[in-house]
C-alpha atoms as a PDB file:
ATOM      1  CA  MET A   1      11.538 -92.791  -0.273  1.00  0.00           C
ATOM      2  CA  ASN A   2      10.245 -95.345  -2.768  1.00  0.00           C
ATOM      3  CA  GLY A   3       9.291 -97.619   0.130  1.00  0.00           C
ATOM      4  CA  LYS A   4      12.616 -97.241   1.942  1.00  0.00           C
ATOM      5  CA  PRO A   5      13.220 -95.262   5.153  1.00  0.00           C
ATOM      6  CA  TYR A   6      14.963 -91.948   4.645  1.00  0.00           C
ATOM      7  CA  ASN A   7      16.484 -90.481   7.803  1.00  0.00           C
ATOM      8  CA  ARG A   8      18.450 -87.533   6.497  1.00  0.00           C
ATOM      9  CA  PRO A   9      17.478 -83.864   6.696  1.00  0.00           C
ATOM     10  CA  MET A  10      16.343 -82.178   3.521  1.00  0.00           C
ATOM     11  CA  PRO A  11      19.281 -80.361   1.929  1.00  0.00           C
ATOM     12  CA  ALA A  12      19.209 -76.582   1.764  1.00  0.00           C
ATOM     13  CA  HIS A  13      18.439 -74.768  -1.479  1.00  0.00           C
ATOM     14  CA  PRO A  14      20.283 -71.450  -1.105  1.00  0.00           C
ATOM     15  CA  GLN A  15      19.657 -70.530  -4.749  1.00  0.00           C
ATOM     16  CA  LEU A  16      15.927 -69.999  -4.088  1.00  0.00           C
ATOM     17  CA  SER A  17      14.760 -66.411  -3.686  1.00  0.00           C
ATOM     18  CA  ASP A  18      12.503 -65.269  -0.837  1.00  0.00           C
ATOM     19  CA  LEU A  19       9.626 -65.121  -3.324  1.00  0.00           C
ATOM     20  CA  GLU A  20      10.222 -68.683  -4.523  1.00  0.00           C
ATOM     21  CA  ILE A  21      10.302 -69.960  -0.941  1.00  0.00           C
ATOM     22  CA  ALA A  22       7.036 -68.138  -0.182  1.00  0.00           C
ATOM     23  CA  GLU A  23       5.502 -69.722  -3.289  1.00  0.00           C
ATOM     24  CA  VAL A  24       6.590 -73.213  -2.208  1.00  0.00           C
ATOM     25  CA  ILE A  25       5.123 -72.677   1.261  1.00  0.00           C
ATOM     26  CA  THR A  26       1.868 -71.419  -0.272  1.00  0.00           C
ATOM     27  CA  TYR A  27       1.731 -74.504  -2.495  1.00  0.00           C
ATOM     28  CA  ILE A  28       2.263 -76.836   0.469  1.00  0.00           C
ATOM     29  CA  TYR A  29      -0.457 -75.127   2.515  1.00  0.00           C
ATOM     30  CA  ASN A  30      -2.928 -75.214  -0.368  1.00  0.00           C
ATOM     31  CA  GLU A  31      -2.243 -78.722  -1.646  1.00  0.00           C
ATOM     32  CA  TRP A  32      -1.470 -80.644   1.519  1.00  0.00           C
ATOM     33  CA  GLY A  33      -2.945 -78.581   4.333  1.00  0.00           C
ATOM     34  CA  ASN A  34      -6.073 -77.447   2.483  1.00  0.00           C
ATOM     35  CA  GLU A  35      -5.833 -74.109   4.263  1.00  0.00           C
ATOM     36  CA  ALA A  36      -5.993 -71.926   1.119  1.00  0.00           C
ATOM     37  CA  LYS A  37      -3.409 -69.655   2.685  1.00  0.00           C
ATOM     38  CA  LEU A  38      -1.136 -67.192   0.871  1.00  0.00           C
ATOM     39  CA  THR A  39       2.364 -66.875   2.334  1.00  0.00           C
ATOM     40  CA  ASP A  40       3.743 -63.367   1.954  1.00  0.00           C
ATOM     41  CA  VAL A  41       7.428 -62.698   1.225  1.00  0.00           C
ATOM     42  CA  LYS A  42       7.429 -60.296   4.198  1.00  0.00           C
ATOM     43  CA  SER A  43       6.690 -63.197   6.548  1.00  0.00           C
ATOM     44  CA  VAL A  44       9.391 -65.420   5.022  1.00  0.00           C
ATOM     45  CA  LYS A  45      12.260 -62.924   5.057  1.00  0.00           C
ATOM     46  CA  PRO A  46      12.759 -62.649   8.886  1.00  0.00           C
ATOM     47  CA  ILE A  47      12.681 -66.433   9.266  1.00  0.00           C
ATOM     48  CA  LEU A  48      15.298 -66.911   6.550  1.00  0.00           C
ATOM     49  CA  GLU A  49      17.504 -64.199   8.065  1.00  0.00           C
ATOM     50  CA  GLY A  50      17.300 -65.993  11.441  1.00  0.00           C
ATOM     51  CA  CYS A  51      18.459 -69.224   9.788  1.00  0.00           C
ATOM     52  CA  LYS A  52      21.569 -67.570   8.373  1.00  0.00           C
ATOM     53  CA  LYS A  53      22.940 -66.729  11.842  1.00  0.00           C
END
């Protein structure tokens, strides 16, 4: 970060809703991956539930 190595995991953001997480993923795909993909909340929900275990 700012030219310095950063070796820590990204902190969790538990305050984000499933919809907000889907929107962030869609943004990343569209801006950085150039895939023009829409991430549906239905596809995010099972992944998030698996992370809570």
